[in-house]
Amino acid sequence: MEFRDLEIFQLVAEKGTITEAAKVLNYVQSNITSRIQKLEKEMNTPLFNRHRRGMTLTPEGKKFLTYSEKITLLASEMKKAIQSKDEPSGKLEIGTIETVFQLPNILASFDKKYKNVELSLYSGVTEELEGKVIDYQLDGAFVTDGNFSPEIIAEEVFEEELVLISGSHVNAFAAIEEEPVLCFSKGCGYRARLEKWYKDNRIHPNKIMEFGTLETILRSVVVGLGIAFVPKSSAEHLINSGLVSTYYLPEQYSRVKTMFIRRKDTYLTITLEKFMETIRANRNIEIHSLKY
């Protein structure tokens, strides 16, 4: 039994057809078929039910999938554990909320120093990213501080101030109950804080409009579509140019920490360790610049 056969099996289980798996891997279909048949012969049982619409796992196949995922995950951990301590390499998959203002500096510093690392970045809201870290889909993630799972280790990266903004022709406070609230989807830490403020003050927003990117939210506020609760650093240029009006909420709602999270039980690879060192170095630079 080869690791590659297990990976192919998992992909067929995910896609549901030999054809789709072959497209992803750029293999001929007969190659995929023969590898699946080889596994079934070794296990002495059918792993898939074949039908016109594709393939579905048998009860034995479902059990096999659970074990095969554990095996391939362990193999991946093994490779990471024996990496060179001098030169990090391999893949590093990091998640981030949309509003980490300092992220470009962190990525640039890391990429320039560690050329052999293939860094992939995925964006989402805090709740979604935490779930992906727990499910081993991400090595780590930048998220808003919150009540994390016991499986998570969190380290503070930055602290920011959130501010309520509206179009320049609208008083931000007066617009609280009249204008639509422009925000990310449920699971966003900033949205949760604003909703708590609304609830604590018995205020009912007029309408909630969900967006996928911070840039779209900011542009929509400028043209008068609604109000938004965003990090002041990300809206500083709009505030300074007079394109938006601002309203400051009490500190318990407006002060927010950005955390870097990872799974507690996973091996801290040299690649992830160096990435975290880069985060700390950039955080120290930020703190130093604020002092002076």
C-alpha atoms as a PDB file:
ATOM      1  CA  MET A   1       0.000   0.000   0.000  1.00  0.00           C
ATOM      2  CA  GLU A   2       1.491   3.322  -1.082  1.00  0.00           C
ATOM      3  CA  PHE A   3       0.804   6.797   0.305  1.00  0.00           C
ATOM      4  CA  ARG A   4      -0.052   8.007  -3.195  1.00  0.00           C
ATOM      5  CA  ASP A   5      -2.740   5.336  -3.485  1.00  0.00           C
ATOM      6  CA  LEU A   6      -4.305   6.592  -0.268  1.00  0.00           C
ATOM      7  CA  GLU A   7      -4.266  10.181  -1.538  1.00  0.00           C
ATOM      8  CA  ILE A   8      -5.926   9.077  -4.784  1.00  0.00           C
ATOM      9  CA  PHE A   9      -8.534   7.118  -2.850  1.00  0.00           C
ATOM     10  CA  GLN A  10      -9.343  10.196  -0.740  1.00  0.00           C
ATOM     11  CA  LEU A  11      -9.704  12.373  -3.834  1.00  0.00           C
ATOM     12  CA  VAL A  12     -12.065   9.915  -5.525  1.00  0.00           C
ATOM     13  CA  ALA A  13     -14.112   9.785  -2.310  1.00  0.00           C
ATOM     14  CA  GLU A  14     -14.267  13.593  -2.297  1.00  0.00           C
ATOM     15  CA  LYS A  15     -15.082  14.061  -6.011  1.00  0.00           C
ATOM     16  CA  GLY A  16     -17.403  11.092  -6.352  1.00  0.00           C
ATOM     17  CA  THR A  17     -16.140  10.100  -9.815  1.00  0.00           C
ATOM     18  CA  ILE A  18     -12.994   8.704 -11.409  1.00  0.00           C
ATOM     19  CA  THR A  19     -13.318  11.309 -14.164  1.00  0.00           C
ATOM     20  CA  GLU A  20     -13.163  14.304 -11.814  1.00  0.00           C
ATOM     21  CA  ALA A  21     -10.284  12.833  -9.821  1.00  0.00           C
ATOM     22  CA  ALA A  22      -8.344  12.189 -13.027  1.00  0.00           C
ATOM     23  CA  LYS A  23      -8.848  15.808 -14.118  1.00  0.00           C
ATOM     24  CA  VAL A  24      -7.474  17.144 -10.837  1.00  0.00           C
ATOM     25  CA  LEU A  25      -4.438  14.862 -10.912  1.00  0.00           C
ATOM     26  CA  ASN A  26      -3.947  15.036 -14.688  1.00  0.00           C
ATOM     27  CA  TYR A  27      -3.948  11.224 -14.785  1.00  0.00           C
ATOM     28  CA  VAL A  28      -5.598   8.895 -17.275  1.00  0.00           C
ATOM     29  CA  GLN A  29      -8.763   7.362 -15.830  1.00  0.00           C
ATOM     30  CA  SER A  30      -7.452   3.820 -16.189  1.00  0.00           C
ATOM     31  CA  ASN A  31      -4.576   4.670 -13.837  1.00  0.00           C
ATOM     32  CA  ILE A  32      -7.001   5.868 -11.139  1.00  0.00           C
ATOM     33  CA  THR A  33      -9.226   2.830 -11.639  1.00  0.00           C
ATOM     34  CA  SER A  34      -6.350   0.360 -11.323  1.00  0.00           C
ATOM     35  CA  ARG A  35      -5.091   2.009  -8.125  1.00  0.00           C
ATOM     36  CA  ILE A  36      -8.538   1.830  -6.530  1.00  0.00           C
ATOM     37  CA  GLN A  37      -8.889  -1.810  -7.575  1.00  0.00           C
ATOM     38  CA  LYS A  38      -5.459  -2.526  -6.118  1.00  0.00           C
ATOM     39  CA  LEU A  39      -6.530  -1.098  -2.765  1.00  0.00           C
ATOM     40  CA  GLU A  40      -9.759  -3.090  -2.808  1.00  0.00           C
ATOM     41  CA  LYS A  41      -7.800  -6.250  -3.540  1.00  0.00           C
ATOM     42  CA  GLU A  42      -5.383  -5.567  -0.682  1.00  0.00           C
ATOM     43  CA  MET A  43      -8.250  -4.898   1.720  1.00  0.00           C
ATOM     44  CA  ASN A  44     -10.248  -7.812   0.332  1.00  0.00           C
ATOM     45  CA  THR A  45     -13.441  -5.760   0.178  1.00  0.00           C
ATOM     46  CA  PRO A  46     -15.162  -3.227  -2.126  1.00  0.00           C
ATOM     47  CA  LEU A  47     -14.472   0.342  -1.009  1.00  0.00           C
ATOM     48  CA  PHE A  48     -16.895   2.005  -3.444  1.00  0.00           C
ATOM     49  CA  ASN A  49     -20.392   1.425  -4.753  1.00  0.00           C
ATOM     50  CA  ARG A  50     -20.362   2.023  -8.540  1.00  0.00           C
ATOM     51  CA  HIS A  51     -23.403   3.561 -10.185  1.00  0.00           C
ATOM     52  CA  ARG A  52     -24.302   5.731 -13.181  1.00  0.00           C
ATOM     53  CA  ARG A  53     -23.788   9.016 -11.359  1.00  0.00           C
ATOM     54  CA  GLY A  54     -20.389   8.056 -10.013  1.00  0.00           C
ATOM     55  CA  MET A  55     -19.042   6.336  -6.926  1.00  0.00           C
ATOM     56  CA  THR A  56     -20.007   6.388  -3.254  1.00  0.00           C
ATOM     57  CA  LEU A  57     -18.208   4.827  -0.328  1.00  0.00           C
ATOM     58  CA  THR A  58     -19.328   1.507   1.075  1.00  0.00           C
ATOM     59  CA  PRO A  59     -19.491   1.173   4.884  1.00  0.00           C
ATOM     60  CA  GLU A  60     -16.037  -0.428   4.716  1.00  0.00           C
ATOM     61  CA  GLY A  61     -14.890   2.390   2.449  1.00  0.00           C
ATOM     62  CA  LYS A  62     -15.969   4.980   5.020  1.00  0.00           C
ATOM     63  CA  LYS A  63     -13.924   3.220   7.694  1.00  0.00           C
ATOM     64  CA  PHE A  64     -10.982   3.004   5.317  1.00  0.00           C
ATOM     65  CA  LEU A  65     -11.266   6.744   4.561  1.00  0.00           C
ATOM     66  CA  THR A  66     -10.986   7.610   8.261  1.00  0.00           C
ATOM     67  CA  TYR A  67      -7.831   5.544   8.679  1.00  0.00           C
ATOM     68  CA  SER A  68      -6.278   6.670   5.389  1.00  0.00           C
ATOM     69  CA  GLU A  69      -6.712  10.339   6.356  1.00  0.00           C
ATOM     70  CA  LYS A  70      -4.985   9.665   9.678  1.00  0.00           C
ATOM     71  CA  ILE A  71      -2.128   7.883   7.894  1.00  0.00           C
ATOM     72  CA  THR A  72      -1.532  10.624   5.313  1.00  0.00           C
ATOM     73  CA  LEU A  73      -1.760  13.316   8.006  1.00  0.00           C
ATOM     74  CA  LEU A  74       0.789  11.458  10.119  1.00  0.00           C
ATOM     75  CA  ALA A  75       3.067  11.069   7.099  1.00  0.00           C
ATOM     76  CA  SER A  76       2.858  14.795   6.464  1.00  0.00           C
ATOM     77  CA  GLU A  77       3.678  15.496  10.112  1.00  0.00           C
ATOM     78  CA  MET A  78       6.663  13.137   9.880  1.00  0.00           C
ATOM     79  CA  LYS A  79       8.084  14.983   6.870  1.00  0.00           C
ATOM     80  CA  LYS A  80       7.696  18.329   8.620  1.00  0.00           C
ATOM     81  CA  ALA A  81       9.282  17.030  11.821  1.00  0.00           C
ATOM     82  CA  ILE A  82      12.527  16.047  10.111  1.00  0.00           C
ATOM     83  CA  GLN A  83      12.957  19.204   8.058  1.00  0.00           C
ATOM     84  CA  SER A  84      16.283  20.971   8.163  1.00  0.00           C
ATOM     85  CA  LYS A  85      16.592  23.205  11.212  1.00  0.00           C
ATOM     86  CA  ASP A  86      18.668  25.628   9.154  1.00  0.00           C
ATOM     87  CA  GLU A  87      16.495  26.098   6.088  1.00  0.00           C
ATOM     88  CA  PRO A  88      12.678  25.905   6.363  1.00  0.00           C
ATOM     89  CA  SER A  89      10.951  24.482   3.307  1.00  0.00           C
ATOM     90  CA  GLY A  90       7.716  22.943   2.092  1.00  0.00           C
ATOM     91  CA  LYS A  91       4.166  24.253   2.291  1.00  0.00           C
ATOM     92  CA  LEU A  92       2.798  26.670   4.843  1.00  0.00           C
ATOM     93  CA  GLU A  93      -0.956  27.320   4.718  1.00  0.00           C
ATOM     94  CA  ILE A  94      -2.093  30.357   6.683  1.00  0.00           C
ATOM     95  CA  GLY A  95      -5.572  31.813   7.130  1.00  0.00           C
ATOM     96  CA  THR A  96      -6.397  35.435   7.827  1.00  0.00           C
ATOM     97  CA  ILE A  97      -9.286  37.754   8.438  1.00  0.00           C
ATOM     98  CA  GLU A  98      -9.564  40.552   5.858  1.00  0.00           C
ATOM     99  CA  THR A  99      -8.436  43.348   8.151  1.00  0.00           C
ATOM    100  CA  VAL A 100      -4.894  42.497   9.322  1.00  0.00           C
ATOM    101  CA  PHE A 101      -3.387  45.813   8.288  1.00  0.00           C
ATOM    102  CA  GLN A 102       0.203  44.709   9.035  1.00  0.00           C
ATOM    103  CA  LEU A 103      -0.033  41.412   7.136  1.00  0.00           C
ATOM    104  CA  PRO A 104       1.734  42.565   3.920  1.00  0.00           C
ATOM    105  CA  ASN A 105       4.835  43.498   5.952  1.00  0.00           C
ATOM    106  CA  ILE A 106       4.849  40.114   7.692  1.00  0.00           C
ATOM    107  CA  LEU A 107       4.480  38.203   4.422  1.00  0.00           C
ATOM    108  CA  ALA A 108       7.119  40.281   2.642  1.00  0.00           C
ATOM    109  CA  SER A 109       9.636  39.810   5.475  1.00  0.00           C
ATOM    110  CA  PHE A 110       9.044  36.062   5.609  1.00  0.00           C
ATOM    111  CA  ASP A 111       9.124  35.538   1.842  1.00  0.00           C
ATOM    112  CA  LYS A 112      12.395  37.442   1.397  1.00  0.00           C
ATOM    113  CA  LYS A 113      14.123  35.471   4.125  1.00  0.00           C
ATOM    114  CA  TYR A 114      12.800  31.956   3.431  1.00  0.00           C
ATOM    115  CA  LYS A 115      12.787  31.337  -0.309  1.00  0.00           C
ATOM    116  CA  ASN A 116      12.121  27.586  -0.114  1.00  0.00           C
ATOM    117  CA  VAL A 117       8.758  27.895   1.615  1.00  0.00           C
ATOM    118  CA  GLU A 118       5.592  27.730  -0.496  1.00  0.00           C
ATOM    119  CA  LEU A 119       3.288  30.097   1.382  1.00  0.00           C
ATOM    120  CA  SER A 120      -0.461  29.989   0.694  1.00  0.00           C
ATOM    121  CA  LEU A 121      -2.910  32.496   2.174  1.00  0.00           C
ATOM    122  CA  TYR A 122      -6.650  31.953   2.705  1.00  0.00           C
ATOM    123  CA  SER A 123      -9.105  34.610   3.870  1.00  0.00           C
ATOM    124  CA  GLY A 124     -12.272  34.169   5.917  1.00  0.00           C
ATOM    125  CA  VAL A 125     -14.011  35.162   9.136  1.00  0.00           C
ATOM    126  CA  THR A 126     -12.721  34.192  12.577  1.00  0.00           C
ATOM    127  CA  GLU A 127     -15.131  31.329  13.268  1.00  0.00           C
ATOM    128  CA  GLU A 128     -14.496  29.724   9.879  1.00  0.00           C
ATOM    129  CA  LEU A 129     -10.711  30.015  10.159  1.00  0.00           C
ATOM    130  CA  GLU A 130     -10.637  28.559  13.666  1.00  0.00           C
ATOM    131  CA  GLY A 131     -12.586  25.564  12.359  1.00  0.00           C
ATOM    132  CA  LYS A 132     -10.091  25.026   9.545  1.00  0.00           C
ATOM    133  CA  VAL A 133      -7.164  25.132  11.970  1.00  0.00           C
ATOM    134  CA  ILE A 134      -8.903  22.581  14.208  1.00  0.00           C
ATOM    135  CA  ASP A 135      -9.601  20.357  11.178  1.00  0.00           C
ATOM    136  CA  TYR A 136      -5.916  20.464  10.126  1.00  0.00           C
ATOM    137  CA  GLN A 137      -6.759  22.379   6.937  1.00  0.00           C
ATOM    138  CA  LEU A 138      -4.583  25.349   7.954  1.00  0.00           C
ATOM    139  CA  ASP A 139      -1.257  25.489   9.807  1.00  0.00           C
ATOM    140  CA  GLY A 140      -2.332  28.677  11.565  1.00  0.00           C
ATOM    141  CA  ALA A 141      -4.505  31.760  11.185  1.00  0.00           C
ATOM    142  CA  PHE A 142      -4.826  35.439  12.074  1.00  0.00           C
ATOM    143  CA  VAL A 143      -8.187  35.921  13.797  1.00  0.00           C
ATOM    144  CA  THR A 144     -10.043  38.241  16.159  1.00  0.00           C
ATOM    145  CA  ASP A 145      -9.672  37.446  19.861  1.00  0.00           C
ATOM    146  CA  GLY A 146     -12.478  35.343  21.297  1.00  0.00           C
ATOM    147  CA  ASN A 147     -13.416  32.207  23.222  1.00  0.00           C
ATOM    148  CA  PHE A 148     -11.301  29.678  21.363  1.00  0.00           C
ATOM    149  CA  SER A 149     -11.583  25.907  21.518  1.00  0.00           C
ATOM    150  CA  PRO A 150      -9.348  24.113  24.083  1.00  0.00           C
ATOM    151  CA  GLU A 151      -7.597  22.579  21.060  1.00  0.00           C
ATOM    152  CA  ILE A 152      -6.242  26.022  20.098  1.00  0.00           C
ATOM    153  CA  ILE A 153      -3.128  27.931  21.171  1.00  0.00           C
ATOM    154  CA  ALA A 154      -3.454  31.692  20.631  1.00  0.00           C
ATOM    155  CA  GLU A 155      -0.807  34.400  20.674  1.00  0.00           C
ATOM    156  CA  GLU A 156      -1.547  38.116  20.560  1.00  0.00           C
ATOM    157  CA  VAL A 157      -0.258  39.852  17.446  1.00  0.00           C
ATOM    158  CA  PHE A 158      -1.703  43.375  17.485  1.00  0.00           C
ATOM    159  CA  GLU A 159      -4.346  45.436  19.211  1.00  0.00           C
ATOM    160  CA  GLU A 160      -6.515  47.771  17.154  1.00  0.00           C
ATOM    161  CA  GLU A 161      -9.321  50.273  17.592  1.00  0.00           C
ATOM    162  CA  LEU A 162     -12.576  49.742  15.750  1.00  0.00           C
ATOM    163  CA  VAL A 163     -14.549  52.762  14.567  1.00  0.00           C
ATOM    164  CA  LEU A 164     -18.041  53.173  13.147  1.00  0.00           C
ATOM    165  CA  ILE A 165     -17.923  54.978   9.805  1.00  0.00           C
ATOM    166  CA  SER A 166     -20.555  56.406   7.469  1.00  0.00           C
ATOM    167  CA  GLY A 167     -20.562  58.515   4.312  1.00  0.00           C
ATOM    168  CA  SER A 168     -19.174  62.046   4.744  1.00  0.00           C
ATOM    169  CA  HIS A 169     -22.625  63.611   4.314  1.00  0.00           C
ATOM    170  CA  VAL A 170     -24.151  61.442   7.076  1.00  0.00           C
ATOM    171  CA  ASN A 171     -23.698  61.728  10.834  1.00  0.00           C
ATOM    172  CA  ALA A 172     -22.383  58.292  11.843  1.00  0.00           C
ATOM    173  CA  PHE A 173     -24.243  58.204  15.164  1.00  0.00           C
ATOM    174  CA  ALA A 174     -27.516  59.430  13.652  1.00  0.00           C
ATOM    175  CA  ALA A 175     -27.215  56.722  10.981  1.00  0.00           C
ATOM    176  CA  ILE A 176     -27.018  53.851  13.471  1.00  0.00           C
ATOM    177  CA  GLU A 177     -30.713  52.939  13.243  1.00  0.00           C
ATOM    178  CA  GLU A 178     -31.395  54.347   9.776  1.00  0.00           C
ATOM    179  CA  GLU A 179     -28.619  53.088   7.494  1.00  0.00           C
ATOM    180  CA  PRO A 180     -27.840  49.473   6.529  1.00  0.00           C
ATOM    181  CA  VAL A 181     -24.933  47.867   8.382  1.00  0.00           C
ATOM    182  CA  LEU A 182     -22.258  46.695   5.937  1.00  0.00           C
ATOM    183  CA  CYS A 183     -20.279  43.786   7.360  1.00  0.00           C
ATOM    184  CA  PHE A 184     -18.725  40.381   6.823  1.00  0.00           C
ATOM    185  CA  SER A 185     -20.705  37.169   7.274  1.00  0.00           C
ATOM    186  CA  LYS A 186     -21.635  35.609  10.619  1.00  0.00           C
ATOM    187  CA  GLY A 187     -18.543  34.463  12.483  1.00  0.00           C
ATOM    188  CA  CYS A 188     -16.756  37.803  12.044  1.00  0.00           C
ATOM    189  CA  GLY A 189     -15.394  39.122  15.368  1.00  0.00           C
ATOM    190  CA  TYR A 190     -15.993  42.769  14.448  1.00  0.00           C
ATOM    191  CA  ARG A 191     -19.602  42.080  13.528  1.00  0.00           C
ATOM    192  CA  ALA A 192     -20.127  40.218  16.806  1.00  0.00           C
ATOM    193  CA  ARG A 193     -18.847  43.211  18.788  1.00  0.00           C
ATOM    194  CA  LEU A 194     -21.094  45.645  16.949  1.00  0.00           C
ATOM    195  CA  GLU A 195     -24.104  43.353  17.408  1.00  0.00           C
ATOM    196  CA  LYS A 196     -23.363  43.157  21.142  1.00  0.00           C
ATOM    197  CA  TRP A 197     -23.242  46.962  21.344  1.00  0.00           C
ATOM    198  CA  TYR A 198     -26.588  47.168  19.514  1.00  0.00           C
ATOM    199  CA  LYS A 199     -28.080  44.595  21.869  1.00  0.00           C
ATOM    200  CA  ASP A 200     -26.704  46.210  25.047  1.00  0.00           C
ATOM    201  CA  ASN A 201     -28.132  49.570  23.974  1.00  0.00           C
ATOM    202  CA  ARG A 202     -31.430  48.113  22.728  1.00  0.00           C
ATOM    203  CA  ILE A 203     -30.820  49.443  19.240  1.00  0.00           C
ATOM    204  CA  HIS A 204     -32.169  47.660  16.185  1.00  0.00           C
ATOM    205  CA  PRO A 205     -30.247  48.042  12.907  1.00  0.00           C
ATOM    206  CA  ASN A 206     -32.280  48.885   9.833  1.00  0.00           C
ATOM    207  CA  LYS A 207     -30.742  46.199   7.628  1.00  0.00           C
ATOM    208  CA  ILE A 208     -27.686  43.908   7.487  1.00  0.00           C
ATOM    209  CA  MET A 209     -25.773  43.659   4.212  1.00  0.00           C
ATOM    210  CA  GLU A 210     -22.969  41.067   4.002  1.00  0.00           C
ATOM    211  CA  PHE A 211     -19.832  41.574   1.902  1.00  0.00           C
ATOM    212  CA  GLY A 212     -16.837  39.421   1.073  1.00  0.00           C
ATOM    213  CA  THR A 213     -14.012  41.978   1.156  1.00  0.00           C
ATOM    214  CA  LEU A 214     -13.023  44.952   3.279  1.00  0.00           C
ATOM    215  CA  GLU A 215     -12.287  47.060   0.209  1.00  0.00           C
ATOM    216  CA  THR A 216     -15.859  46.645  -1.031  1.00  0.00           C
ATOM    217  CA  ILE A 217     -17.235  47.593   2.386  1.00  0.00           C
ATOM    218  CA  LEU A 218     -15.109  50.757   2.548  1.00  0.00           C
ATOM    219  CA  ARG A 219     -16.032  51.856  -0.978  1.00  0.00           C
ATOM    220  CA  SER A 220     -19.702  51.224  -0.291  1.00  0.00           C
ATOM    221  CA  VAL A 221     -19.588  53.393   2.831  1.00  0.00           C
ATOM    222  CA  VAL A 222     -17.923  56.221   0.867  1.00  0.00           C
ATOM    223  CA  VAL A 223     -20.735  56.269  -1.714  1.00  0.00           C
ATOM    224  CA  GLY A 224     -23.363  56.306   1.037  1.00  0.00           C
ATOM    225  CA  LEU A 225     -24.682  52.747   0.963  1.00  0.00           C
ATOM    226  CA  GLY A 226     -24.508  52.290   4.727  1.00  0.00           C
ATOM    227  CA  ILE A 227     -22.336  52.235   7.853  1.00  0.00           C
ATOM    228  CA  ALA A 228     -19.550  49.856   8.903  1.00  0.00           C
ATOM    229  CA  PHE A 229     -17.553  48.943  12.005  1.00  0.00           C
ATOM    230  CA  VAL A 230     -13.945  48.542  10.903  1.00  0.00           C
ATOM    231  CA  PRO A 231     -10.375  48.908  12.218  1.00  0.00           C
ATOM    232  CA  LYS A 232      -9.429  52.571  12.304  1.00  0.00           C
ATOM    233  CA  SER A 233      -6.092  51.744  10.647  1.00  0.00           C
ATOM    234  CA  SER A 234      -7.848  50.385   7.554  1.00  0.00           C
ATOM    235  CA  ALA A 235     -10.064  53.469   7.219  1.00  0.00           C
ATOM    236  CA  GLU A 236      -7.454  56.076   8.235  1.00  0.00           C
ATOM    237  CA  HIS A 237      -6.966  57.338   4.677  1.00  0.00           C
ATOM    238  CA  LEU A 238     -10.715  57.864   4.263  1.00  0.00           C
ATOM    239  CA  ILE A 239     -11.036  59.604   7.621  1.00  0.00           C
ATOM    240  CA  ASN A 240      -8.094  61.924   6.953  1.00  0.00           C
ATOM    241  CA  SER A 241      -9.389  62.832   3.491  1.00  0.00           C
ATOM    242  CA  GLY A 242     -12.871  63.607   4.827  1.00  0.00           C
ATOM    243  CA  LEU A 243     -14.575  60.906   2.776  1.00  0.00           C
ATOM    244  CA  VAL A 244     -16.258  59.349   5.822  1.00  0.00           C
ATOM    245  CA  SER A 245     -17.721  60.447   9.134  1.00  0.00           C
ATOM    246  CA  THR A 246     -16.787  58.592  12.306  1.00  0.00           C
ATOM    247  CA  TYR A 247     -18.319  57.601  15.622  1.00  0.00           C
ATOM    248  CA  TYR A 248     -16.351  56.000  18.464  1.00  0.00           C
ATOM    249  CA  LEU A 249     -17.959  53.258  20.520  1.00  0.00           C
ATOM    250  CA  PRO A 250     -16.980  52.595  24.177  1.00  0.00           C
ATOM    251  CA  GLU A 251     -13.658  50.819  24.639  1.00  0.00           C
ATOM    252  CA  GLN A 252     -15.127  47.439  25.623  1.00  0.00           C
ATOM    253  CA  TYR A 253     -16.581  47.187  22.117  1.00  0.00           C
ATOM    254  CA  SER A 254     -13.968  49.067  20.089  1.00  0.00           C
ATOM    255  CA  ARG A 255     -10.651  47.689  21.351  1.00  0.00           C
ATOM    256  CA  VAL A 256      -9.889  44.393  19.642  1.00  0.00           C
ATOM    257  CA  LYS A 257      -6.901  42.066  19.560  1.00  0.00           C
ATOM    258  CA  THR A 258      -5.713  40.184  16.500  1.00  0.00           C
ATOM    259  CA  MET A 259      -4.427  36.740  17.483  1.00  0.00           C
ATOM    260  CA  PHE A 260      -2.404  34.101  15.672  1.00  0.00           C
ATOM    261  CA  ILE A 261      -3.798  30.643  16.391  1.00  0.00           C
ATOM    262  CA  ARG A 262      -2.628  27.080  15.770  1.00  0.00           C
ATOM    263  CA  ARG A 263      -3.577  23.619  16.977  1.00  0.00           C
ATOM    264  CA  LYS A 264      -2.223  22.720  20.401  1.00  0.00           C
ATOM    265  CA  ASP A 265      -1.455  19.100  19.559  1.00  0.00           C
ATOM    266  CA  THR A 266       0.361  19.528  16.238  1.00  0.00           C
ATOM    267  CA  TYR A 267       4.118  19.478  15.881  1.00  0.00           C
ATOM    268  CA  LEU A 268       5.571  22.996  15.699  1.00  0.00           C
ATOM    269  CA  THR A 269       7.543  22.718  12.478  1.00  0.00           C
ATOM    270  CA  ILE A 270      10.610  24.838  11.840  1.00  0.00           C
ATOM    271  CA  THR A 271       8.685  26.539   9.010  1.00  0.00           C
ATOM    272  CA  LEU A 272       5.790  27.572  11.257  1.00  0.00           C
ATOM    273  CA  GLU A 273       8.212  28.487  14.040  1.00  0.00           C
ATOM    274  CA  LYS A 274      10.082  30.866  11.706  1.00  0.00           C
ATOM    275  CA  PHE A 275       6.791  32.364  10.537  1.00  0.00           C
ATOM    276  CA  MET A 276       5.813  33.072  14.137  1.00  0.00           C
ATOM    277  CA  GLU A 277       9.232  34.626  14.756  1.00  0.00           C
ATOM    278  CA  THR A 278       8.569  36.922  11.794  1.00  0.00           C
ATOM    279  CA  ILE A 279       5.204  37.918  13.296  1.00  0.00           C
ATOM    280  CA  ARG A 280       6.885  38.783  16.619  1.00  0.00           C
ATOM    281  CA  ALA A 281       9.629  40.761  14.903  1.00  0.00           C
ATOM    282  CA  ASN A 282       7.082  42.861  13.013  1.00  0.00           C
ATOM    283  CA  ARG A 283       5.028  43.324  16.177  1.00  0.00           C
ATOM    284  CA  ASN A 284       8.113  44.679  17.986  1.00  0.00           C
ATOM    285  CA  ILE A 285       8.758  47.081  15.108  1.00  0.00           C
ATOM    286  CA  GLU A 286       5.156  48.288  15.348  1.00  0.00           C
ATOM    287  CA  ILE A 287       5.395  48.800  19.120  1.00  0.00           C
ATOM    288  CA  HIS A 288       8.708  50.655  18.746  1.00  0.00           C
ATOM    289  CA  SER A 289       7.284  52.988  16.097  1.00  0.00           C
ATOM    290  CA  LEU A 290       4.287  53.798  18.327  1.00  0.00           C
ATOM    291  CA  LYS A 291       6.608  54.799  21.187  1.00  0.00           C
ATOM    292  CA  TYR A 292       8.536  57.233  19.082  1.00  0.00           C
END
